[in-house]
Amino acid sequence: MEKSDFKKSLLEYIKVIIITVVFTLGVLYFVQISRVVGSSMEPTYQNGNIILVDKFFYKRGKPSYNDIVVVKYHVGEGEDQIIKRIVGLPGDHLEMKDNQLYRNGQLLNEDYINGPMEGNEDFSYDIPEGKIFVMGDNRNHSVDSRNIGYIDFDDQVVGRVFFKVF
């Protein structure tokens, strides 16, 4: 191989590496790869599922009911991330009566939850501006806004789940 052919090959190889690194960093900047831990989102997501989270979705749009989001919350001295469903938006009135969830006076048809809720205490919340209320689909086994309170939309929402890898 001639010296000029070697230089051309080396330059092509370096270009491919640079493009790959830039592309990978760009994707990781906009997309987070996460693993579902626990059963709180069953049956929608199972323990161990790998999901992709769009970290910039809400820079382009507003949250909607039933969006699946990854949120940060404080655990003791540290911070953890959990996956949950948005059930309440700013200005909503949420009420739990007899293990049924009502939003603004309307009973929610939640065909995605994992069986009937049991033993939940009745509650009533008015969701303040800038906050959302999230719950797991496996309501009987979920740490969510019932336990950790409102989620600050700007500070605690990591992004919206857009794809389940497996």
N, C-alpha and C. Protein backbone atom coordinates (compact mmCIF):
# COMPACT_ATOMS: atom_id res chain seq x y z
N MET A 1 0.85 -1.17 0.00
CA MET A 1 0.00 0.00 0.00
C MET A 1 0.89 1.23 0.00
N GLU A 2 0.57 2.15 -0.86
CA GLU A 2 1.36 3.38 -0.93
C GLU A 2 1.04 4.29 0.24
N LYS A 3 1.97 5.20 0.46
CA LYS A 3 1.82 6.13 1.59
C LYS A 3 0.56 6.99 1.43
N SER A 4 0.26 7.45 0.22
CA SER A 4 -0.92 8.30 0.01
C SER A 4 -2.21 7.51 0.21
N ASP A 5 -2.22 6.22 -0.20
CA ASP A 5 -3.39 5.38 0.03
C ASP A 5 -3.61 5.16 1.52
N PHE A 6 -2.52 4.96 2.26
CA PHE A 6 -2.61 4.78 3.70
C PHE A 6 -3.18 6.03 4.37
N LYS A 7 -2.71 7.21 3.94
CA LYS A 7 -3.21 8.47 4.51
C LYS A 7 -4.69 8.64 4.21
N LYS A 8 -5.11 8.32 2.98
CA LYS A 8 -6.54 8.43 2.62
C LYS A 8 -7.38 7.49 3.47
N SER A 9 -6.91 6.27 3.64
CA SER A 9 -7.65 5.29 4.46
C SER A 9 -7.73 5.75 5.91
N LEU A 10 -6.62 6.25 6.42
CA LEU A 10 -6.58 6.73 7.79
C LEU A 10 -7.53 7.91 7.98
N LEU A 11 -7.53 8.86 7.03
CA LEU A 11 -8.44 10.00 7.11
C LEU A 11 -9.90 9.56 7.07
N GLU A 12 -10.22 8.60 6.20
CA GLU A 12 -11.59 8.09 6.14
C GLU A 12 -11.98 7.43 7.45
N TYR A 13 -11.08 6.65 8.01
CA TYR A 13 -11.32 5.99 9.28
C TYR A 13 -11.56 7.02 10.40
N ILE A 14 -10.74 8.05 10.44
CA ILE A 14 -10.89 9.11 11.45
C ILE A 14 -12.21 9.85 11.26
N LYS A 15 -12.60 10.12 10.02
CA LYS A 15 -13.89 10.79 9.74
C LYS A 15 -15.06 9.95 10.26
N VAL A 16 -14.99 8.66 10.00
CA VAL A 16 -16.07 7.77 10.45
C VAL A 16 -16.15 7.79 11.97
N ILE A 17 -15.02 7.74 12.64
CA ILE A 17 -15.01 7.77 14.11
C ILE A 17 -15.59 9.08 14.62
N ILE A 18 -15.18 10.19 14.06
CA ILE A 18 -15.67 11.50 14.51
C ILE A 18 -17.17 11.62 14.28
N ILE A 19 -17.63 11.22 13.11
CA ILE A 19 -19.07 11.29 12.81
C ILE A 19 -19.85 10.40 13.77
N THR A 20 -19.35 9.21 14.04
CA THR A 20 -20.02 8.29 14.95
C THR A 20 -20.10 8.86 16.36
N VAL A 21 -19.00 9.42 16.84
CA VAL A 21 -18.97 10.01 18.19
C VAL A 21 -19.92 11.19 18.27
N VAL A 22 -19.90 12.08 17.28
CA VAL A 22 -20.78 13.25 17.29
C VAL A 22 -22.24 12.82 17.23
N PHE A 23 -22.55 11.86 16.38
CA PHE A 23 -23.92 11.36 16.27
C PHE A 23 -24.38 10.73 17.59
N THR A 24 -23.54 9.89 18.18
CA THR A 24 -23.89 9.23 19.44
C THR A 24 -24.11 10.24 20.56
N LEU A 25 -23.23 11.21 20.69
CA LEU A 25 -23.39 12.23 21.72
C LEU A 25 -24.65 13.05 21.48
N GLY A 26 -24.93 13.36 20.22
CA GLY A 26 -26.16 14.09 19.89
C GLY A 26 -27.40 13.33 20.27
N VAL A 27 -27.42 12.04 19.96
CA VAL A 27 -28.57 11.22 20.30
C VAL A 27 -28.72 11.14 21.82
N LEU A 28 -27.63 10.92 22.52
CA LEU A 28 -27.70 10.82 23.98
C LEU A 28 -28.09 12.14 24.63
N TYR A 29 -27.82 13.25 23.97
CA TYR A 29 -28.22 14.55 24.50
C TYR A 29 -29.74 14.72 24.42
N PHE A 30 -30.34 14.18 23.37
CA PHE A 30 -31.77 14.33 23.15
C PHE A 30 -32.59 13.14 23.66
N VAL A 31 -31.96 11.98 23.76
CA VAL A 31 -32.66 10.75 24.11
C VAL A 31 -31.95 10.10 25.29
N GLN A 32 -32.75 9.65 26.25
CA GLN A 32 -32.20 8.90 27.39
C GLN A 32 -32.67 7.46 27.27
N ILE A 33 -31.76 6.55 27.47
CA ILE A 33 -32.09 5.13 27.51
C ILE A 33 -32.26 4.75 28.98
N SER A 34 -33.42 4.18 29.31
CA SER A 34 -33.70 3.83 30.71
C SER A 34 -34.20 2.41 30.81
N ARG A 35 -34.07 1.86 32.00
CA ARG A 35 -34.59 0.52 32.29
C ARG A 35 -35.70 0.68 33.34
N VAL A 36 -36.82 0.01 33.10
CA VAL A 36 -37.92 0.02 34.05
C VAL A 36 -37.53 -0.87 35.23
N VAL A 37 -37.64 -0.32 36.43
CA VAL A 37 -37.33 -1.07 37.64
C VAL A 37 -38.60 -1.18 38.47
N GLY A 38 -39.01 -2.39 38.74
CA GLY A 38 -40.20 -2.61 39.55
C GLY A 38 -41.44 -2.88 38.73
N SER A 39 -42.55 -3.06 39.44
CA SER A 39 -43.80 -3.45 38.81
C SER A 39 -44.85 -2.34 38.78
N SER A 40 -44.47 -1.12 39.13
CA SER A 40 -45.46 -0.06 39.31
C SER A 40 -46.16 0.37 38.02
N MET A 41 -45.60 0.03 36.85
CA MET A 41 -46.26 0.42 35.59
C MET A 41 -46.85 -0.78 34.85
N GLU A 42 -46.92 -1.94 35.52
CA GLU A 42 -47.54 -3.10 34.88
C GLU A 42 -49.03 -2.85 34.72
N PRO A 43 -49.66 -3.27 33.66
CA PRO A 43 -49.15 -4.13 32.61
C PRO A 43 -48.49 -3.39 31.44
N THR A 44 -48.49 -2.05 31.45
CA THR A 44 -47.96 -1.29 30.32
C THR A 44 -46.47 -1.54 30.12
N TYR A 45 -45.71 -1.47 31.19
CA TYR A 45 -44.27 -1.73 31.15
C TYR A 45 -43.93 -2.72 32.25
N GLN A 46 -43.07 -3.66 31.90
CA GLN A 46 -42.66 -4.71 32.84
C GLN A 46 -41.29 -4.40 33.42
N ASN A 47 -41.02 -4.96 34.58
CA ASN A 47 -39.71 -4.85 35.20
C ASN A 47 -38.64 -5.32 34.20
N GLY A 48 -37.64 -4.49 33.98
CA GLY A 48 -36.55 -4.84 33.07
C GLY A 48 -36.71 -4.31 31.66
N ASN A 49 -37.91 -3.82 31.29
CA ASN A 49 -38.07 -3.24 29.95
C ASN A 49 -37.07 -2.11 29.74
N ILE A 50 -36.55 -2.00 28.52
CA ILE A 50 -35.69 -0.89 28.14
C ILE A 50 -36.57 0.09 27.36
N ILE A 51 -36.52 1.37 27.76
CA ILE A 51 -37.35 2.39 27.12
C ILE A 51 -36.47 3.54 26.64
N LEU A 52 -36.98 4.27 25.66
CA LEU A 52 -36.32 5.48 25.17
C LEU A 52 -37.16 6.68 25.60
N VAL A 53 -36.47 7.69 26.12
CA VAL A 53 -37.12 8.88 26.66
C VAL A 53 -36.69 10.09 25.85
N ASP A 54 -37.66 10.81 25.30
CA ASP A 54 -37.40 12.05 24.55
C ASP A 54 -37.25 13.18 25.57
N LYS A 55 -36.01 13.62 25.77
CA LYS A 55 -35.75 14.64 26.78
C LYS A 55 -36.14 16.04 26.32
N PHE A 56 -36.46 16.21 25.03
CA PHE A 56 -36.80 17.54 24.52
C PHE A 56 -38.25 17.64 24.04
N PHE A 57 -39.04 16.59 24.25
CA PHE A 57 -40.43 16.61 23.78
C PHE A 57 -41.20 17.80 24.34
N TYR A 58 -41.02 18.06 25.63
CA TYR A 58 -41.80 19.13 26.27
C TYR A 58 -41.20 20.51 26.04
N LYS A 59 -40.07 20.59 25.39
CA LYS A 59 -39.56 21.89 24.95
C LYS A 59 -40.36 22.34 23.73
N ARG A 60 -40.94 21.36 23.02
CA ARG A 60 -41.71 21.62 21.81
C ARG A 60 -43.21 21.58 22.04
N GLY A 61 -43.64 21.01 23.16
CA GLY A 61 -45.06 20.86 23.38
C GLY A 61 -45.40 20.76 24.86
N LYS A 62 -46.66 20.69 25.13
CA LYS A 62 -47.15 20.65 26.51
C LYS A 62 -47.50 19.21 26.89
N PRO A 63 -47.51 18.94 28.20
CA PRO A 63 -47.89 17.59 28.63
C PRO A 63 -49.37 17.35 28.37
N SER A 64 -49.70 16.08 28.18
CA SER A 64 -51.07 15.66 27.96
C SER A 64 -51.43 14.55 28.93
N TYR A 65 -52.73 14.38 29.14
CA TYR A 65 -53.18 13.26 29.95
C TYR A 65 -52.68 11.96 29.32
N ASN A 66 -52.30 11.04 30.17
CA ASN A 66 -51.85 9.71 29.78
C ASN A 66 -50.46 9.66 29.18
N ASP A 67 -49.76 10.78 29.07
CA ASP A 67 -48.35 10.71 28.67
C ASP A 67 -47.62 9.89 29.72
N ILE A 68 -46.72 9.03 29.25
CA ILE A 68 -45.85 8.28 30.16
C ILE A 68 -44.55 9.06 30.25
N VAL A 69 -44.17 9.42 31.48
CA VAL A 69 -43.00 10.27 31.69
C VAL A 69 -42.03 9.64 32.68
N VAL A 70 -40.77 10.04 32.55
CA VAL A 70 -39.77 9.71 33.56
C VAL A 70 -39.57 10.98 34.37
N VAL A 71 -39.69 10.84 35.69
CA VAL A 71 -39.56 11.99 36.59
C VAL A 71 -38.50 11.71 37.65
N LYS A 72 -37.89 12.79 38.12
CA LYS A 72 -36.92 12.72 39.20
C LYS A 72 -37.64 13.03 40.51
N TYR A 73 -37.24 12.32 41.55
CA TYR A 73 -37.73 12.67 42.88
C TYR A 73 -36.64 12.38 43.90
N HIS A 74 -36.71 13.07 45.00
CA HIS A 74 -35.67 12.96 46.03
C HIS A 74 -35.97 11.80 46.97
N VAL A 75 -34.93 11.01 47.19
CA VAL A 75 -35.01 9.88 48.11
C VAL A 75 -33.90 10.09 49.13
N GLY A 76 -34.27 10.50 50.33
CA GLY A 76 -33.27 10.78 51.35
C GLY A 76 -32.31 11.85 50.87
N GLU A 77 -31.04 11.52 50.83
CA GLU A 77 -30.01 12.46 50.37
C GLU A 77 -29.84 12.43 48.85
N GLY A 78 -30.37 11.40 48.21
CA GLY A 78 -30.14 11.22 46.78
C GLY A 78 -31.35 11.55 45.93
N GLU A 79 -31.25 11.12 44.69
CA GLU A 79 -32.31 11.37 43.72
C GLU A 79 -32.52 10.10 42.92
N ASP A 80 -33.76 9.81 42.57
CA ASP A 80 -34.09 8.63 41.79
C ASP A 80 -34.97 9.05 40.63
N GLN A 81 -35.11 8.17 39.64
CA GLN A 81 -36.01 8.42 38.53
C GLN A 81 -37.03 7.30 38.46
N ILE A 82 -38.29 7.68 38.21
CA ILE A 82 -39.37 6.71 38.12
C ILE A 82 -40.17 6.99 36.86
N ILE A 83 -40.83 5.97 36.36
CA ILE A 83 -41.68 6.10 35.17
C ILE A 83 -43.13 6.06 35.63
N LYS A 84 -43.93 7.04 35.18
CA LYS A 84 -45.33 7.14 35.62
C LYS A 84 -46.19 7.73 34.49
N ARG A 85 -47.50 7.67 34.70
CA ARG A 85 -48.48 8.21 33.75
C ARG A 85 -49.03 9.53 34.29
N ILE A 86 -49.14 10.54 33.44
CA ILE A 86 -49.74 11.81 33.85
C ILE A 86 -51.25 11.64 33.92
N VAL A 87 -51.81 11.90 35.11
CA VAL A 87 -53.27 11.83 35.27
C VAL A 87 -53.87 13.19 35.62
N GLY A 88 -53.02 14.15 36.01
CA GLY A 88 -53.52 15.48 36.36
C GLY A 88 -52.59 16.57 35.88
N LEU A 89 -53.18 17.62 35.32
CA LEU A 89 -52.45 18.79 34.81
C LEU A 89 -52.80 20.03 35.62
N PRO A 90 -52.04 21.10 35.47
CA PRO A 90 -52.33 22.32 36.23
C PRO A 90 -53.80 22.76 36.07
N GLY A 91 -54.42 23.09 37.20
CA GLY A 91 -55.81 23.54 37.19
C GLY A 91 -56.82 22.42 37.39
N ASP A 92 -56.38 21.17 37.29
CA ASP A 92 -57.30 20.04 37.47
C ASP A 92 -57.64 19.83 38.94
N HIS A 93 -58.82 19.27 39.14
CA HIS A 93 -59.22 18.81 40.47
C HIS A 93 -59.29 17.28 40.38
N LEU A 94 -58.44 16.60 41.14
CA LEU A 94 -58.43 15.13 41.19
C LEU A 94 -59.04 14.66 42.49
N GLU A 95 -59.80 13.60 42.39
CA GLU A 95 -60.45 13.07 43.57
C GLU A 95 -60.47 11.55 43.49
N MET A 96 -60.12 10.90 44.58
CA MET A 96 -60.22 9.45 44.70
C MET A 96 -61.37 9.17 45.64
N LYS A 97 -62.40 8.47 45.12
CA LYS A 97 -63.55 8.09 45.94
C LYS A 97 -63.83 6.61 45.70
N ASP A 98 -63.86 5.86 46.79
CA ASP A 98 -64.17 4.43 46.70
C ASP A 98 -63.28 3.72 45.67
N ASN A 99 -61.98 4.03 45.69
CA ASN A 99 -60.98 3.43 44.80
C ASN A 99 -61.21 3.75 43.32
N GLN A 100 -61.92 4.82 43.04
CA GLN A 100 -62.13 5.28 41.66
C GLN A 100 -61.55 6.69 41.54
N LEU A 101 -60.88 6.97 40.41
CA LEU A 101 -60.25 8.27 40.20
C LEU A 101 -61.14 9.16 39.34
N TYR A 102 -61.36 10.38 39.83
CA TYR A 102 -62.17 11.37 39.12
C TYR A 102 -61.29 12.58 38.81
N ARG A 103 -61.43 13.10 37.60
CA ARG A 103 -60.74 14.33 37.21
C ARG A 103 -61.80 15.34 36.82
N ASN A 104 -61.80 16.47 37.53
CA ASN A 104 -62.77 17.54 37.28
C ASN A 104 -64.20 17.01 37.29
N GLY A 105 -64.46 16.10 38.24
CA GLY A 105 -65.81 15.57 38.42
C GLY A 105 -66.17 14.39 37.54
N GLN A 106 -65.31 14.01 36.60
CA GLN A 106 -65.60 12.92 35.67
C GLN A 106 -64.80 11.66 36.06
N LEU A 107 -65.51 10.54 36.17
CA LEU A 107 -64.85 9.27 36.44
C LEU A 107 -63.96 8.93 35.25
N LEU A 108 -62.70 8.59 35.53
CA LEU A 108 -61.77 8.24 34.46
C LEU A 108 -61.93 6.78 34.07
N ASN A 109 -61.96 6.53 32.78
CA ASN A 109 -61.95 5.17 32.25
C ASN A 109 -60.49 4.77 32.09
N GLU A 110 -59.99 4.02 33.03
CA GLU A 110 -58.58 3.67 33.06
C GLU A 110 -58.40 2.19 32.75
N ASP A 111 -58.61 1.83 31.50
CA ASP A 111 -58.50 0.43 31.11
C ASP A 111 -57.06 -0.07 31.11
N TYR A 112 -56.10 0.81 31.32
CA TYR A 112 -54.69 0.43 31.32
C TYR A 112 -54.19 0.02 32.70
N ILE A 113 -54.97 0.25 33.76
CA ILE A 113 -54.45 -0.08 35.09
C ILE A 113 -54.50 -1.59 35.33
N ASN A 114 -53.64 -2.02 36.24
CA ASN A 114 -53.47 -3.44 36.53
C ASN A 114 -54.46 -3.87 37.60
N GLY A 115 -55.69 -4.10 37.21
CA GLY A 115 -56.71 -4.55 38.14
C GLY A 115 -57.31 -3.41 38.95
N PRO A 116 -58.38 -3.72 39.67
CA PRO A 116 -59.04 -2.67 40.46
C PRO A 116 -58.16 -2.21 41.62
N MET A 117 -58.27 -0.93 41.92
CA MET A 117 -57.53 -0.39 43.06
C MET A 117 -58.21 -0.87 44.34
N GLU A 118 -57.37 -1.16 45.32
CA GLU A 118 -57.89 -1.65 46.59
C GLU A 118 -57.23 -0.89 47.73
N GLY A 119 -58.03 -0.54 48.71
CA GLY A 119 -57.49 0.02 49.94
C GLY A 119 -56.88 1.41 49.83
N ASN A 120 -57.16 2.12 48.76
CA ASN A 120 -56.63 3.48 48.64
C ASN A 120 -57.47 4.43 49.48
N GLU A 121 -56.79 5.33 50.15
CA GLU A 121 -57.52 6.34 50.91
C GLU A 121 -58.12 7.35 49.94
N ASP A 122 -59.32 7.81 50.26
CA ASP A 122 -59.92 8.87 49.46
C ASP A 122 -59.06 10.12 49.58
N PHE A 123 -58.96 10.88 48.48
CA PHE A 123 -58.21 12.13 48.51
C PHE A 123 -58.83 13.12 47.57
N SER A 124 -58.41 14.35 47.72
CA SER A 124 -58.85 15.43 46.85
C SER A 124 -57.69 16.41 46.67
N TYR A 125 -57.29 16.65 45.42
CA TYR A 125 -56.17 17.55 45.12
C TYR A 125 -56.56 18.55 44.05
N ASP A 126 -56.12 19.77 44.21
CA ASP A 126 -56.19 20.77 43.15
C ASP A 126 -54.76 20.97 42.67
N ILE A 127 -54.52 20.69 41.40
CA ILE A 127 -53.16 20.72 40.86
C ILE A 127 -52.76 22.17 40.58
N PRO A 128 -51.69 22.64 41.24
CA PRO A 128 -51.26 24.04 41.04
C PRO A 128 -50.55 24.24 39.70
N GLU A 129 -50.41 25.49 39.32
CA GLU A 129 -49.67 25.84 38.10
C GLU A 129 -48.25 25.30 38.17
N GLY A 130 -47.76 24.82 37.05
CA GLY A 130 -46.39 24.34 36.97
C GLY A 130 -46.19 22.93 37.52
N LYS A 131 -47.27 22.29 37.98
CA LYS A 131 -47.17 20.96 38.58
C LYS A 131 -48.02 19.97 37.79
N ILE A 132 -47.66 18.69 37.92
CA ILE A 132 -48.48 17.62 37.36
C ILE A 132 -48.66 16.56 38.45
N PHE A 133 -49.64 15.69 38.25
CA PHE A 133 -49.92 14.59 39.17
C PHE A 133 -49.73 13.31 38.38
N VAL A 134 -48.87 12.42 38.87
CA VAL A 134 -48.57 11.18 38.16
C VAL A 134 -48.93 9.98 39.01
N MET A 135 -49.31 8.89 38.33
CA MET A 135 -49.62 7.65 39.03
C MET A 135 -49.11 6.48 38.20
N GLY A 136 -48.77 5.39 38.88
CA GLY A 136 -48.39 4.16 38.19
C GLY A 136 -49.63 3.41 37.74
N ASP A 137 -49.47 2.59 36.71
CA ASP A 137 -50.59 1.79 36.21
C ASP A 137 -50.94 0.64 37.16
N ASN A 138 -49.98 0.20 37.94
CA ASN A 138 -50.21 -0.82 38.95
C ASN A 138 -50.46 -0.10 40.27
N ARG A 139 -51.64 0.47 40.39
CA ARG A 139 -51.96 1.41 41.47
C ARG A 139 -51.77 0.84 42.87
N ASN A 140 -51.92 -0.47 43.00
CA ASN A 140 -51.78 -1.07 44.32
C ASN A 140 -50.32 -1.24 44.74
N HIS A 141 -49.40 -1.04 43.81
CA HIS A 141 -47.97 -1.22 44.09
C HIS A 141 -47.16 -0.13 43.41
N SER A 142 -47.46 1.12 43.70
CA SER A 142 -46.79 2.23 43.02
C SER A 142 -46.48 3.36 43.99
N VAL A 143 -45.25 3.85 43.91
CA VAL A 143 -44.88 5.09 44.57
C VAL A 143 -45.09 6.17 43.52
N ASP A 144 -46.00 7.09 43.80
CA ASP A 144 -46.34 8.12 42.81
C ASP A 144 -46.77 9.39 43.54
N SER A 145 -47.49 10.26 42.87
CA SER A 145 -47.85 11.55 43.47
C SER A 145 -48.69 11.41 44.73
N ARG A 146 -49.33 10.28 44.91
CA ARG A 146 -50.07 10.05 46.15
C ARG A 146 -49.12 10.02 47.34
N ASN A 147 -47.86 9.60 47.09
CA ASN A 147 -46.86 9.48 48.16
C ASN A 147 -45.85 10.62 48.14
N ILE A 148 -45.44 11.03 46.95
CA ILE A 148 -44.33 11.99 46.84
C ILE A 148 -44.80 13.39 46.48
N GLY A 149 -46.10 13.56 46.27
CA GLY A 149 -46.64 14.88 45.99
C GLY A 149 -46.60 15.25 44.51
N TYR A 150 -46.93 16.50 44.26
CA TYR A 150 -46.94 17.00 42.89
C TYR A 150 -45.54 16.93 42.30
N ILE A 151 -45.49 16.83 40.98
CA ILE A 151 -44.22 16.83 40.26
C ILE A 151 -44.07 18.20 39.61
N ASP A 152 -42.95 18.86 39.89
CA ASP A 152 -42.67 20.15 39.26
C ASP A 152 -42.30 19.89 37.81
N PHE A 153 -43.11 20.40 36.91
CA PHE A 153 -42.96 20.08 35.50
C PHE A 153 -41.60 20.52 34.95
N ASP A 154 -41.16 21.71 35.27
CA ASP A 154 -39.90 22.21 34.71
C ASP A 154 -38.67 21.57 35.32
N ASP A 155 -38.72 21.25 36.61
CA ASP A 155 -37.53 20.76 37.31
C ASP A 155 -37.44 19.25 37.44
N GLN A 156 -38.56 18.56 37.46
CA GLN A 156 -38.52 17.13 37.76
C GLN A 156 -38.80 16.21 36.58
N VAL A 157 -39.42 16.70 35.52
CA VAL A 157 -39.74 15.83 34.39
C VAL A 157 -38.49 15.69 33.51
N VAL A 158 -38.02 14.46 33.37
CA VAL A 158 -36.86 14.18 32.52
C VAL A 158 -37.28 14.19 31.06
N GLY A 159 -38.41 13.56 30.76
CA GLY A 159 -38.90 13.50 29.39
C GLY A 159 -40.04 12.53 29.24
N ARG A 160 -40.49 12.40 28.00
CA ARG A 160 -41.63 11.56 27.66
C ARG A 160 -41.14 10.27 27.02
N VAL A 161 -41.67 9.15 27.51
CA VAL A 161 -41.32 7.85 26.94
C VAL A 161 -41.95 7.78 25.55
N PHE A 162 -41.13 7.40 24.55
CA PHE A 162 -41.67 7.30 23.20
C PHE A 162 -41.48 5.94 22.56
N PHE A 163 -40.71 5.05 23.21
CA PHE A 163 -40.47 3.76 22.57
C PHE A 163 -40.03 2.74 23.61
N LYS A 164 -40.60 1.54 23.50
CA LYS A 164 -40.15 0.42 24.34
C LYS A 164 -39.29 -0.47 23.46
N VAL A 165 -38.01 -0.60 23.80
CA VAL A 165 -37.09 -1.41 23.02
C VAL A 165 -37.45 -2.88 23.20
N PHE A 166 -37.58 -3.31 24.43
CA PHE A 166 -38.05 -4.67 24.75
C PHE A 166 -38.45 -4.72 26.20
